[in-house]
Amino acid sequence: MAKIQNETAYEAAMERIEELLPLTDDNTPVTDKNLIELDLLSELVSEYEDEHYPIKLPSLVDMIKLRMYEMGINQAKLSELLGVSPSRVSDYLTGRCEPTLKVARDISRKLNIDANIVLGV
């Protein structure tokens, strides 16, 4: 099957998917023509979105701020948790400097942030 070439075709595929969704459910037989069409269109849309709307990994700063919010802690509490000065935490959050390997390991473990994000991989 051909791939989606432009935004107009993408929009048309998305509209057709919206039409097909109510016609199928978990009990729909795999031989049902609506389910087959839905699967094919979904794969084409997924490929188009991967190419044209890639989702990038969040930055370390974004992840630290998110975890701080989720944990209900401020910069002072984060500095205690990581064993660094509040000014150093401020430097991390503004991008003025990057954490050392030891601090990066603590950020990953104590804030439960994927090591790939912490290391910028």
PDB file of N, CA and C in Angstrom:
ATOM      1  N   MET A   1       0.846  -1.174   0.000  1.00  0.00           N
ATOM      2  CA  MET A   1       0.000   0.000   0.000  1.00  0.00           C
ATOM      3  C   MET A   1       0.897   1.245   0.000  1.00  0.00           C
ATOM      4  N   ALA A   2       0.481   2.270  -0.684  1.00  0.00           N
ATOM      5  CA  ALA A   2       1.261   3.505  -0.808  1.00  0.00           C
ATOM      6  C   ALA A   2       1.275   4.242   0.528  1.00  0.00           C
ATOM      7  N   LYS A   3       2.259   5.094   0.703  1.00  0.00           N
ATOM      8  CA  LYS A   3       2.314   5.867   1.928  1.00  0.00           C
ATOM      9  C   LYS A   3       1.615   7.207   1.728  1.00  0.00           C
ATOM     10  N   ILE A   4       1.260   7.835   2.812  1.00  0.00           N
ATOM     11  CA  ILE A   4       0.597   9.135   2.758  1.00  0.00           C
ATOM     12  C   ILE A   4       1.626  10.163   2.316  1.00  0.00           C
ATOM     13  N   GLN A   5       1.281  10.943   1.281  1.00  0.00           N
ATOM     14  CA  GLN A   5       2.230  11.853   0.654  1.00  0.00           C
ATOM     15  C   GLN A   5       2.122  13.302   1.114  1.00  0.00           C
ATOM     16  N   ASN A   6       0.938  13.706   1.614  1.00  0.00           N
ATOM     17  CA  ASN A   6       0.775  15.119   1.965  1.00  0.00           C
ATOM     18  C   ASN A   6      -0.253  15.285   3.081  1.00  0.00           C
ATOM     19  N   GLU A   7      -0.375  16.513   3.536  1.00  0.00           N
ATOM     20  CA  GLU A   7      -1.258  16.819   4.662  1.00  0.00           C
ATOM     21  C   GLU A   7      -2.728  16.576   4.325  1.00  0.00           C
ATOM     22  N   THR A   8      -3.119  16.820   3.081  1.00  0.00           N
ATOM     23  CA  THR A   8      -4.508  16.595   2.673  1.00  0.00           C
ATOM     24  C   THR A   8      -4.857  15.114   2.780  1.00  0.00           C
ATOM     25  N   ALA A   9      -3.982  14.266   2.288  1.00  0.00           N
ATOM     26  CA  ALA A   9      -4.198  12.821   2.378  1.00  0.00           C
ATOM     27  C   ALA A   9      -4.188  12.369   3.841  1.00  0.00           C
ATOM     28  N   TYR A  10      -3.334  12.964   4.635  1.00  0.00           N
ATOM     29  CA  TYR A  10      -3.271  12.645   6.071  1.00  0.00           C
ATOM     30  C   TYR A  10      -4.605  12.984   6.739  1.00  0.00           C
ATOM     31  N   GLU A  11      -5.116  14.185   6.472  1.00  0.00           N
ATOM     32  CA  GLU A  11      -6.400  14.599   7.058  1.00  0.00           C
ATOM     33  C   GLU A  11      -7.532  13.674   6.625  1.00  0.00           C
ATOM     34  N   ALA A  12      -7.533  13.281   5.349  1.00  0.00           N
ATOM     35  CA  ALA A  12      -8.566  12.370   4.847  1.00  0.00           C
ATOM     36  C   ALA A  12      -8.481  11.017   5.558  1.00  0.00           C
ATOM     37  N   ALA A  13      -7.278  10.534   5.754  1.00  0.00           N
ATOM     38  CA  ALA A  13      -7.089   9.256   6.446  1.00  0.00           C
ATOM     39  C   ALA A  13      -7.570   9.358   7.893  1.00  0.00           C
ATOM     40  N   MET A  14      -7.276  10.484   8.541  1.00  0.00           N
ATOM     41  CA  MET A  14      -7.717  10.682   9.917  1.00  0.00           C
ATOM     42  C   MET A  14      -9.251  10.720  10.010  1.00  0.00           C
ATOM     43  N   GLU A  15      -9.883  11.376   9.056  1.00  0.00           N
ATOM     44  CA  GLU A  15     -11.352  11.426   9.041  1.00  0.00           C
ATOM     45  C   GLU A  15     -11.940  10.038   8.859  1.00  0.00           C
ATOM     46  N   ARG A  16     -11.341   9.252   7.959  1.00  0.00           N
ATOM     47  CA  ARG A  16     -11.835   7.892   7.722  1.00  0.00           C
ATOM     48  C   ARG A  16     -11.640   7.012   8.964  1.00  0.00           C
ATOM     49  N   ILE A  17     -10.534   7.196   9.653  1.00  0.00           N
ATOM     50  CA  ILE A  17     -10.312   6.446  10.890  1.00  0.00           C
ATOM     51  C   ILE A  17     -11.393   6.776  11.908  1.00  0.00           C
ATOM     52  N   GLU A  18     -11.741   8.057  12.019  1.00  0.00           N
ATOM     53  CA  GLU A  18     -12.805   8.462  12.946  1.00  0.00           C
ATOM     54  C   GLU A  18     -14.141   7.810  12.571  1.00  0.00           C
ATOM     55  N   GLU A  19     -14.384   7.617  11.289  1.00  0.00           N
ATOM     56  CA  GLU A  19     -15.613   6.957  10.842  1.00  0.00           C
ATOM     57  C   GLU A  19     -15.585   5.463  11.164  1.00  0.00           C
ATOM     58  N   LEU A  20     -14.400   4.857  11.077  1.00  0.00           N
ATOM     59  CA  LEU A  20     -14.280   3.409  11.280  1.00  0.00           C
ATOM     60  C   LEU A  20     -14.256   3.001  12.752  1.00  0.00           C
ATOM     61  N   LEU A  21     -13.780   3.856  13.615  1.00  0.00           N
ATOM     62  CA  LEU A  21     -13.645   3.498  15.032  1.00  0.00           C
ATOM     63  C   LEU A  21     -14.949   3.023  15.672  1.00  0.00           C
ATOM     64  N   PRO A  22     -16.076   3.708  15.452  1.00  0.00           N
ATOM     65  CA  PRO A  22     -17.313   3.221  16.083  1.00  0.00           C
ATOM     66  C   PRO A  22     -17.824   1.895  15.494  1.00  0.00           C
ATOM     67  N   LEU A  23     -17.307   1.515  14.332  1.00  0.00           N
ATOM     68  CA  LEU A  23     -17.774   0.295  13.669  1.00  0.00           C
ATOM     69  C   LEU A  23     -17.010  -0.945  14.114  1.00  0.00           C
ATOM     70  N   THR A  24     -16.004  -0.763  14.949  1.00  0.00           N
ATOM     71  CA  THR A  24     -15.192  -1.888  15.405  1.00  0.00           C
ATOM     72  C   THR A  24     -15.015  -1.837  16.919  1.00  0.00           C
ATOM     73  N   ASP A  25     -14.743  -2.990  17.493  1.00  0.00           N
ATOM     74  CA  ASP A  25     -14.409  -3.064  18.916  1.00  0.00           C
ATOM     75  C   ASP A  25     -13.530  -4.288  19.144  1.00  0.00           C
ATOM     76  N   ASP A  26     -13.295  -4.631  20.396  1.00  0.00           N
ATOM     77  CA  ASP A  26     -12.405  -5.753  20.718  1.00  0.00           C
ATOM     78  C   ASP A  26     -12.939  -7.090  20.235  1.00  0.00           C
ATOM     79  N   ASN A  27     -14.238  -7.153  19.980  1.00  0.00           N
ATOM     80  CA  ASN A  27     -14.850  -8.420  19.556  1.00  0.00           C
ATOM     81  C   ASN A  27     -15.019  -8.528  18.042  1.00  0.00           C
ATOM     82  N   THR A  28     -14.595  -7.509  17.313  1.00  0.00           N
ATOM     83  CA  THR A  28     -14.716  -7.531  15.855  1.00  0.00           C
ATOM     84  C   THR A  28     -13.767  -8.583  15.296  1.00  0.00           C
ATOM     85  N   PRO A  29     -14.293  -9.469  14.417  1.00  0.00           N
ATOM     86  CA  PRO A  29     -13.422 -10.501  13.839  1.00  0.00           C
ATOM     87  C   PRO A  29     -12.303  -9.873  12.990  1.00  0.00           C
ATOM     88  N   VAL A  30     -11.144 -10.508  13.000  1.00  0.00           N
ATOM     89  CA  VAL A  30     -10.001  -9.975  12.252  1.00  0.00           C
ATOM     90  C   VAL A  30     -10.248  -9.983  10.749  1.00  0.00           C
ATOM     91  N   THR A  31     -11.250 -10.675  10.304  1.00  0.00           N
ATOM     92  CA  THR A  31     -11.574 -10.720   8.874  1.00  0.00           C
ATOM     93  C   THR A  31     -12.569  -9.629   8.462  1.00  0.00           C
ATOM     94  N   ASP A  32     -13.046  -8.845   9.421  1.00  0.00           N
ATOM     95  CA  ASP A  32     -13.993  -7.767   9.134  1.00  0.00           C
ATOM     96  C   ASP A  32     -13.317  -6.693   8.285  1.00  0.00           C
ATOM     97  N   LYS A  33     -13.995  -6.292   7.178  1.00  0.00           N
ATOM     98  CA  LYS A  33     -13.394  -5.324   6.255  1.00  0.00           C
ATOM     99  C   LYS A  33     -13.144  -3.973   6.915  1.00  0.00           C
ATOM    100  N   ASN A  34     -13.994  -3.551   7.838  1.00  0.00           N
ATOM    101  CA  ASN A  34     -13.780  -2.274   8.526  1.00  0.00           C
ATOM    102  C   ASN A  34     -12.534  -2.328   9.417  1.00  0.00           C
ATOM    103  N   LEU A  35     -12.358  -3.444  10.105  1.00  0.00           N
ATOM    104  CA  LEU A  35     -11.187  -3.594  10.956  1.00  0.00           C
ATOM    105  C   LEU A  35      -9.908  -3.652  10.128  1.00  0.00           C
ATOM    106  N   ILE A  36      -9.950  -4.335   9.012  1.00  0.00           N
ATOM    107  CA  ILE A  36      -8.785  -4.410   8.127  1.00  0.00           C
ATOM    108  C   ILE A  36      -8.426  -3.021   7.612  1.00  0.00           C
ATOM    109  N   GLU A  37      -9.438  -2.280   7.162  1.00  0.00           N
ATOM    110  CA  GLU A  37      -9.191  -0.920   6.675  1.00  0.00           C
ATOM    111  C   GLU A  37      -8.659  -0.031   7.788  1.00  0.00           C
ATOM    112  N   LEU A  38      -9.225  -0.156   8.977  1.00  0.00           N
ATOM    113  CA  LEU A  38      -8.780   0.633  10.112  1.00  0.00           C
ATOM    114  C   LEU A  38      -7.315   0.344  10.445  1.00  0.00           C
ATOM    115  N   ASP A  39      -6.944  -0.922  10.449  1.00  0.00           N
ATOM    116  CA  ASP A  39      -5.550  -1.301  10.724  1.00  0.00           C
ATOM    117  C   ASP A  39      -4.596  -0.731   9.679  1.00  0.00           C
ATOM    118  N   LEU A  40      -4.977  -0.836   8.412  1.00  0.00           N
ATOM    119  CA  LEU A  40      -4.118  -0.327   7.336  1.00  0.00           C
ATOM    120  C   LEU A  40      -3.957   1.192   7.414  1.00  0.00           C
ATOM    121  N   LEU A  41      -5.064   1.886   7.589  1.00  0.00           N
ATOM    122  CA  LEU A  41      -5.005   3.346   7.682  1.00  0.00           C
ATOM    123  C   LEU A  41      -4.225   3.799   8.920  1.00  0.00           C
ATOM    124  N   SER A  42      -4.421   3.089  10.018  1.00  0.00           N
ATOM    125  CA  SER A  42      -3.712   3.440  11.250  1.00  0.00           C
ATOM    126  C   SER A  42      -2.207   3.313  11.064  1.00  0.00           C
ATOM    127  N   GLU A  43      -1.772   2.279  10.372  1.00  0.00           N
ATOM    128  CA  GLU A  43      -0.346   2.087  10.122  1.00  0.00           C
ATOM    129  C   GLU A  43       0.200   3.202   9.216  1.00  0.00           C
ATOM    130  N   LEU A  44      -0.547   3.564   8.187  1.00  0.00           N
ATOM    131  CA  LEU A  44      -0.120   4.637   7.290  1.00  0.00           C
ATOM    132  C   LEU A  44      -0.028   5.974   8.027  1.00  0.00           C
ATOM    133  N   VAL A  45      -1.022   6.256   8.853  1.00  0.00           N
ATOM    134  CA  VAL A  45      -1.031   7.496   9.624  1.00  0.00           C
ATOM    135  C   VAL A  45       0.134   7.515  10.602  1.00  0.00           C
ATOM    136  N   SER A  46       0.387   6.391  11.243  1.00  0.00           N
ATOM    137  CA  SER A  46       1.497   6.303  12.182  1.00  0.00           C
ATOM    138  C   SER A  46       2.834   6.592  11.494  1.00  0.00           C
ATOM    139  N   GLU A  47       3.042   6.022  10.342  1.00  0.00           N
ATOM    140  CA  GLU A  47       4.274   6.264   9.587  1.00  0.00           C
ATOM    141  C   GLU A  47       4.404   7.735   9.195  1.00  0.00           C
ATOM    142  N   TYR A  48       3.307   8.339   8.746  1.00  0.00           N
ATOM    143  CA  TYR A  48       3.324   9.753   8.363  1.00  0.00           C
ATOM    144  C   TYR A  48       3.649  10.620   9.577  1.00  0.00           C
ATOM    145  N   GLU A  49       3.018  10.329  10.715  1.00  0.00           N
ATOM    146  CA  GLU A  49       3.250  11.127  11.909  1.00  0.00           C
ATOM    147  C   GLU A  49       4.681  10.970  12.413  1.00  0.00           C
ATOM    148  N   ASP A  50       5.218   9.764  12.344  1.00  0.00           N
ATOM    149  CA  ASP A  50       6.613   9.554  12.755  1.00  0.00           C
ATOM    150  C   ASP A  50       7.567  10.409  11.935  1.00  0.00           C
ATOM    151  N   GLU A  51       7.258  10.557  10.653  1.00  0.00           N
ATOM    152  CA  GLU A  51       8.127  11.322   9.758  1.00  0.00           C
ATOM    153  C   GLU A  51       7.919  12.830   9.888  1.00  0.00           C
ATOM    154  N   HIS A  52       6.653  13.254   9.996  1.00  0.00           N
ATOM    155  CA  HIS A  52       6.338  14.685   9.952  1.00  0.00           C
ATOM    156  C   HIS A  52       6.084  15.333  11.305  1.00  0.00           C
ATOM    157  N   TYR A  53       5.758  14.537  12.309  1.00  0.00           N
ATOM    158  CA  TYR A  53       5.479  15.056  13.648  1.00  0.00           C
ATOM    159  C   TYR A  53       6.215  14.223  14.697  1.00  0.00           C
ATOM    160  N   PRO A  54       7.531  14.143  14.600  1.00  0.00           N
ATOM    161  CA  PRO A  54       8.257  13.304  15.561  1.00  0.00           C
ATOM    162  C   PRO A  54       8.138  13.856  16.978  1.00  0.00           C
ATOM    163  N   ILE A  55       8.074  12.947  17.924  1.00  0.00           N
ATOM    164  CA  ILE A  55       8.024  13.337  19.326  1.00  0.00           C
ATOM    165  C   ILE A  55       9.434  13.229  19.879  1.00  0.00           C
ATOM    166  N   LYS A  56       9.942  14.343  20.327  1.00  0.00           N
ATOM    167  CA  LYS A  56      11.304  14.386  20.841  1.00  0.00           C
ATOM    168  C   LYS A  56      11.297  14.093  22.334  1.00  0.00           C
ATOM    169  N   LEU A  57      12.424  13.584  22.818  1.00  0.00           N
ATOM    170  CA  LEU A  57      12.566  13.381  24.247  1.00  0.00           C
ATOM    171  C   LEU A  57      12.564  14.734  24.948  1.00  0.00           C
ATOM    172  N   PRO A  58      11.966  14.794  26.135  1.00  0.00           N
ATOM    173  CA  PRO A  58      11.985  16.055  26.868  1.00  0.00           C
ATOM    174  C   PRO A  58      13.402  16.375  27.335  1.00  0.00           C
ATOM    175  N   SER A  59      13.654  17.634  27.582  1.00  0.00           N
ATOM    176  CA  SER A  59      14.970  18.040  28.068  1.00  0.00           C
ATOM    177  C   SER A  59      15.090  17.669  29.544  1.00  0.00           C
ATOM    178  N   LEU A  60      16.321  17.602  30.010  1.00  0.00           N
ATOM    179  CA  LEU A  60      16.555  17.307  31.419  1.00  0.00           C
ATOM    180  C   LEU A  60      15.911  18.368  32.306  1.00  0.00           C
ATOM    181  N   VAL A  61      16.035  19.619  31.925  1.00  0.00           N
ATOM    182  CA  VAL A  61      15.443  20.705  32.709  1.00  0.00           C
ATOM    183  C   VAL A  61      13.929  20.520  32.819  1.00  0.00           C
ATOM    184  N   ASP A  62      13.279  20.199  31.698  1.00  0.00           N
ATOM    185  CA  ASP A  62      11.829  19.980  31.710  1.00  0.00           C
ATOM    186  C   ASP A  62      11.457  18.823  32.628  1.00  0.00           C
ATOM    187  N   MET A  63      12.240  17.749  32.572  1.00  0.00           N
ATOM    188  CA  MET A  63      11.949  16.581  33.405  1.00  0.00           C
ATOM    189  C   MET A  63      12.168  16.885  34.883  1.00  0.00           C
ATOM    190  N   ILE A  64      13.212  17.604  35.214  1.00  0.00           N
ATOM    191  CA  ILE A  64      13.451  17.952  36.624  1.00  0.00           C
ATOM    192  C   ILE A  64      12.307  18.821  37.144  1.00  0.00           C
ATOM    193  N   LYS A  65      11.899  19.797  36.353  1.00  0.00           N
ATOM    194  CA  LYS A  65      10.798  20.670  36.778  1.00  0.00           C
ATOM    195  C   LYS A  65       9.502  19.882  36.941  1.00  0.00           C
ATOM    196  N   LEU A  66       9.250  18.950  36.036  1.00  0.00           N
ATOM    197  CA  LEU A  66       8.058  18.119  36.139  1.00  0.00           C
ATOM    198  C   LEU A  66       8.097  17.284  37.414  1.00  0.00           C
ATOM    199  N   ARG A  67       9.227  16.644  37.672  1.00  0.00           N
ATOM    200  CA  ARG A  67       9.348  15.816  38.877  1.00  0.00           C
ATOM    201  C   ARG A  67       9.236  16.661  40.145  1.00  0.00           C
ATOM    202  N   MET A  68       9.808  17.853  40.117  1.00  0.00           N
ATOM    203  CA  MET A  68       9.678  18.740  41.274  1.00  0.00           C
ATOM    204  C   MET A  68       8.200  19.049  41.529  1.00  0.00           C
ATOM    205  N   TYR A  69       7.471  19.328  40.480  1.00  0.00           N
ATOM    206  CA  TYR A  69       6.040  19.597  40.607  1.00  0.00           C
ATOM    207  C   TYR A  69       5.307  18.371  41.140  1.00  0.00           C
ATOM    208  N   GLU A  70       5.591  17.201  40.545  1.00  0.00           N
ATOM    209  CA  GLU A  70       4.912  15.972  40.957  1.00  0.00           C
ATOM    210  C   GLU A  70       5.218  15.602  42.409  1.00  0.00           C
ATOM    211  N   MET A  71       6.447  15.864  42.832  1.00  0.00           N
ATOM    212  CA  MET A  71       6.861  15.522  44.196  1.00  0.00           C
ATOM    213  C   MET A  71       6.528  16.625  45.201  1.00  0.00           C
ATOM    214  N   GLY A  72       6.099  17.784  44.703  1.00  0.00           N
ATOM    215  CA  GLY A  72       5.747  18.897  45.570  1.00  0.00           C
ATOM    216  C   GLY A  72       6.947  19.487  46.295  1.00  0.00           C
ATOM    217  N   ILE A  73       8.074  19.549  45.581  1.00  0.00           N
ATOM    218  CA  ILE A  73       9.283  20.099  46.205  1.00  0.00           C
ATOM    219  C   ILE A  73       9.736  21.345  45.468  1.00  0.00           C
ATOM    220  N   ASN A  74      10.473  22.186  46.181  1.00  0.00           N
ATOM    221  CA  ASN A  74      11.019  23.396  45.575  1.00  0.00           C
ATOM    222  C   ASN A  74      12.515  23.200  45.354  1.00  0.00           C
ATOM    223  N   GLN A  75      13.181  24.252  44.887  1.00  0.00           N
ATOM    224  CA  GLN A  75      14.611  24.153  44.592  1.00  0.00           C
ATOM    225  C   GLN A  75      15.423  23.851  45.852  1.00  0.00           C
ATOM    226  N   ALA A  76      15.028  24.413  46.981  1.00  0.00           N
ATOM    227  CA  ALA A  76      15.761  24.173  48.229  1.00  0.00           C
ATOM    228  C   ALA A  76      15.671  22.702  48.624  1.00  0.00           C
ATOM    229  N   LYS A  77      14.480  22.129  48.528  1.00  0.00           N
ATOM    230  CA  LYS A  77      14.310  20.709  48.866  1.00  0.00           C
ATOM    231  C   LYS A  77      15.061  19.829  47.871  1.00  0.00           C
ATOM    232  N   LEU A  78      15.053  20.217  46.601  1.00  0.00           N
ATOM    233  CA  LEU A  78      15.787  19.449  45.600  1.00  0.00           C
ATOM    234  C   LEU A  78      17.281  19.487  45.886  1.00  0.00           C
ATOM    235  N   SER A  79      17.775  20.630  46.298  1.00  0.00           N
ATOM    236  CA  SER A  79      19.210  20.725  46.602  1.00  0.00           C
ATOM    237  C   SER A  79      19.568  19.799  47.768  1.00  0.00           C
ATOM    238  N   GLU A  80      18.693  19.707  48.772  1.00  0.00           N
ATOM    239  CA  GLU A  80      18.920  18.784  49.888  1.00  0.00           C
ATOM    240  C   GLU A  80      18.909  17.335  49.405  1.00  0.00           C
ATOM    241  N   LEU A  81      17.929  17.021  48.568  1.00  0.00           N
ATOM    242  CA  LEU A  81      17.780  15.660  48.049  1.00  0.00           C
ATOM    243  C   LEU A  81      19.005  15.227  47.246  1.00  0.00           C
ATOM    244  N   LEU A  82      19.555  16.153  46.468  1.00  0.00           N
ATOM    245  CA  LEU A  82      20.694  15.825  45.607  1.00  0.00           C
ATOM    246  C   LEU A  82      22.042  16.075  46.286  1.00  0.00           C
ATOM    247  N   GLY A  83      22.031  16.750  47.414  1.00  0.00           N
ATOM    248  CA  GLY A  83      23.275  17.039  48.117  1.00  0.00           C
ATOM    249  C   GLY A  83      24.136  18.082  47.429  1.00  0.00           C
ATOM    250  N   VAL A  84      23.484  19.053  46.804  1.00  0.00           N
ATOM    251  CA  VAL A  84      24.203  20.160  46.155  1.00  0.00           C
ATOM    252  C   VAL A  84      23.606  21.468  46.653  1.00  0.00           C
ATOM    253  N   SER A  85      24.294  22.555  46.407  1.00  0.00           N
ATOM    254  CA  SER A  85      23.811  23.858  46.875  1.00  0.00           C
ATOM    255  C   SER A  85      22.591  24.312  46.065  1.00  0.00           C
ATOM    256  N   PRO A  86      21.746  25.152  46.670  1.00  0.00           N
ATOM    257  CA  PRO A  86      20.603  25.699  45.930  1.00  0.00           C
ATOM    258  C   PRO A  86      21.024  26.458  44.681  1.00  0.00           C
ATOM    259  N   SER A  87      22.173  27.147  44.743  1.00  0.00           N
ATOM    260  CA  SER A  87      22.623  27.878  43.560  1.00  0.00           C
ATOM    261  C   SER A  87      23.009  26.917  42.434  1.00  0.00           C
ATOM    262  N   ARG A  88      23.538  25.741  42.797  1.00  0.00           N
ATOM    263  CA  ARG A  88      23.890  24.740  41.777  1.00  0.00           C
ATOM    264  C   ARG A  88      22.618  24.200  41.119  1.00  0.00           C
ATOM    265  N   VAL A  89      21.575  23.967  41.908  1.00  0.00           N
ATOM    266  CA  VAL A  89      20.289  23.524  41.348  1.00  0.00           C
ATOM    267  C   VAL A  89      19.766  24.589  40.396  1.00  0.00           C
ATOM    268  N   SER A  90      19.882  25.849  40.789  1.00  0.00           N
ATOM    269  CA  SER A  90      19.464  26.943  39.923  1.00  0.00           C
ATOM    270  C   SER A  90      20.239  26.919  38.614  1.00  0.00           C
ATOM    271  N   ASP A  91      21.538  26.649  38.694  1.00  0.00           N
ATOM    272  CA  ASP A  91      22.357  26.553  37.480  1.00  0.00           C
ATOM    273  C   ASP A  91      21.866  25.427  36.574  1.00  0.00           C
ATOM    274  N   TYR A  92      21.496  24.290  37.166  1.00  0.00           N
ATOM    275  CA  TYR A  92      20.986  23.161  36.370  1.00  0.00           C
ATOM    276  C   TYR A  92      19.681  23.550  35.676  1.00  0.00           C
ATOM    277  N   LEU A  93      18.802  24.216  36.431  1.00  0.00           N
ATOM    278  CA  LEU A  93      17.470  24.538  35.909  1.00  0.00           C
ATOM    279  C   LEU A  93      17.476  25.653  34.873  1.00  0.00           C
ATOM    280  N   THR A  94      18.516  26.474  34.876  1.00  0.00           N
ATOM    281  CA  THR A  94      18.606  27.534  33.868  1.00  0.00           C
ATOM    282  C   THR A  94      19.500  27.124  32.699  1.00  0.00           C
ATOM    283  N   GLY A  95      20.154  25.968  32.835  1.00  0.00           N
ATOM    284  CA  GLY A  95      21.019  25.490  31.765  1.00  0.00           C
ATOM    285  C   GLY A  95      22.406  26.100  31.780  1.00  0.00           C
ATOM    286  N   ARG A  96      22.748  26.820  32.841  1.00  0.00           N
ATOM    287  CA  ARG A  96      24.083  27.414  32.925  1.00  0.00           C
ATOM    288  C   ARG A  96      25.177  26.360  33.080  1.00  0.00           C
ATOM    289  N   CYS A  97      24.829  25.220  33.684  1.00  0.00           N
ATOM    290  CA  CYS A  97      25.804  24.132  33.787  1.00  0.00           C
ATOM    291  C   CYS A  97      25.064  22.800  33.823  1.00  0.00           C
ATOM    292  N   GLU A  98      25.813  21.754  33.588  1.00  0.00           N
ATOM    293  CA  GLU A  98      25.252  20.409  33.607  1.00  0.00           C
ATOM    294  C   GLU A  98      25.719  19.689  34.858  1.00  0.00           C
ATOM    295  N   PRO A  99      24.917  18.740  35.334  1.00  0.00           N
ATOM    296  CA  PRO A  99      25.310  18.022  36.545  1.00  0.00           C
ATOM    297  C   PRO A  99      26.524  17.124  36.306  1.00  0.00           C
ATOM    298  N   THR A 100      27.278  16.914  37.401  1.00  0.00           N
ATOM    299  CA  THR A 100      28.381  15.961  37.326  1.00  0.00           C
ATOM    300  C   THR A 100      27.794  14.559  37.185  1.00  0.00           C
ATOM    301  N   LEU A 101      28.632  13.596  36.902  1.00  0.00           N
ATOM    302  CA  LEU A 101      28.153  12.225  36.746  1.00  0.00           C
ATOM    303  C   LEU A 101      27.489  11.724  38.021  1.00  0.00           C
ATOM    304  N   LYS A 102      28.070  12.041  39.171  1.00  0.00           N
ATOM    305  CA  LYS A 102      27.478  11.615  40.447  1.00  0.00           C
ATOM    306  C   LYS A 102      26.097  12.232  40.636  1.00  0.00           C
ATOM    307  N   VAL A 103      25.990  13.527  40.389  1.00  0.00           N
ATOM    308  CA  VAL A 103      24.705  14.212  40.550  1.00  0.00           C
ATOM    309  C   VAL A 103      23.708  13.706  39.504  1.00  0.00           C
ATOM    310  N   ALA A 104      24.192  13.455  38.293  1.00  0.00           N
ATOM    311  CA  ALA A 104      23.312  12.924  37.246  1.00  0.00           C
ATOM    312  C   ALA A 104      22.739  11.573  37.680  1.00  0.00           C
ATOM    313  N   ARG A 105      23.578  10.753  38.279  1.00  0.00           N
ATOM    314  CA  ARG A 105      23.116   9.448  38.773  1.00  0.00           C
ATOM    315  C   ARG A 105      22.056   9.646  39.850  1.00  0.00           C
ATOM    316  N   ASP A 106      22.285  10.592  40.763  1.00  0.00           N
ATOM    317  CA  ASP A 106      21.305  10.883  41.817  1.00  0.00           C
ATOM    318  C   ASP A 106      20.000  11.420  41.228  1.00  0.00           C
ATOM    319  N   ILE A 107      20.107  12.272  40.231  1.00  0.00           N
ATOM    320  CA  ILE A 107      18.902  12.796  39.579  1.00  0.00           C
ATOM    321  C   ILE A 107      18.102  11.647  38.984  1.00  0.00           C
ATOM    322  N   SER A 108      18.785  10.755  38.306  1.00  0.00           N
ATOM    323  CA  SER A 108      18.115   9.621  37.688  1.00  0.00           C
ATOM    324  C   SER A 108      17.433   8.744  38.740  1.00  0.00           C
ATOM    325  N   ARG A 109      18.142   8.434  39.795  1.00  0.00           N
ATOM    326  CA  ARG A 109      17.612   7.527  40.826  1.00  0.00           C
ATOM    327  C   ARG A 109      16.569   8.190  41.725  1.00  0.00           C
ATOM    328  N   LYS A 110      16.896   9.348  42.239  1.00  0.00           N
ATOM    329  CA  LYS A 110      16.033   9.974  43.241  1.00  0.00           C
ATOM    330  C   LYS A 110      14.814  10.655  42.642  1.00  0.00           C
ATOM    331  N   LEU A 111      14.933  11.105  41.395  1.00  0.00           N
ATOM    332  CA  LEU A 111      13.783  11.738  40.738  1.00  0.00           C
ATOM    333  C   LEU A 111      13.106  10.797  39.755  1.00  0.00           C
ATOM    334  N   ASN A 112      13.668   9.591  39.611  1.00  0.00           N
ATOM    335  CA  ASN A 112      13.121   8.576  38.701  1.00  0.00           C
ATOM    336  C   ASN A 112      13.015   9.119  37.272  1.00  0.00           C
ATOM    337  N   ILE A 113      14.126   9.656  36.790  1.00  0.00           N
ATOM    338  CA  ILE A 113      14.214  10.163  35.427  1.00  0.00           C
ATOM    339  C   ILE A 113      15.113   9.220  34.643  1.00  0.00           C
ATOM    340  N   ASP A 114      14.671   8.806  33.478  1.00  0.00           N
ATOM    341  CA  ASP A 114      15.425   7.882  32.650  1.00  0.00           C
ATOM    342  C   ASP A 114      16.857   8.384  32.440  1.00  0.00           C
ATOM    343  N   ALA A 115      17.819   7.479  32.595  1.00  0.00           N
ATOM    344  CA  ALA A 115      19.224   7.843  32.469  1.00  0.00           C
ATOM    345  C   ALA A 115      19.548   8.417  31.091  1.00  0.00           C
ATOM    346  N   ASN A 116      18.865   7.967  30.054  1.00  0.00           N
ATOM    347  CA  ASN A 116      19.109   8.507  28.701  1.00  0.00           C
ATOM    348  C   ASN A 116      18.774   9.994  28.631  1.00  0.00           C
ATOM    349  N   ILE A 117      17.741  10.402  29.345  1.00  0.00           N
ATOM    350  CA  ILE A 117      17.373  11.825  29.362  1.00  0.00           C
ATOM    351  C   ILE A 117      18.399  12.607  30.172  1.00  0.00           C
ATOM    352  N   VAL A 118      18.794  12.046  31.312  1.00  0.00           N
ATOM    353  CA  VAL A 118      19.778  12.727  32.166  1.00  0.00           C
ATOM    354  C   VAL A 118      21.098  12.909  31.428  1.00  0.00           C
ATOM    355  N   LEU A 119      21.485  11.885  30.675  1.00  0.00           N
ATOM    356  CA  LEU A 119      22.760  11.958  29.972  1.00  0.00           C
ATOM    357  C   LEU A 119      22.649  12.604  28.597  1.00  0.00           C
ATOM    358  N   GLY A 120      21.442  12.956  28.192  1.00  0.00           N
ATOM    359  CA  GLY A 120      21.253  13.610  26.890  1.00  0.00           C
ATOM    360  C   GLY A 120      21.455  12.685  25.713  1.00  0.00           C
ATOM    361  N   VAL A 121      21.185  11.401  25.924  1.00  0.00           N
ATOM    362  CA  VAL A 121      21.387  10.403  24.847  1.00  0.00           C
ATOM    363  C   VAL A 121      20.134  10.311  24.013  1.00  0.00           C
TER     364      VAL A 121
END
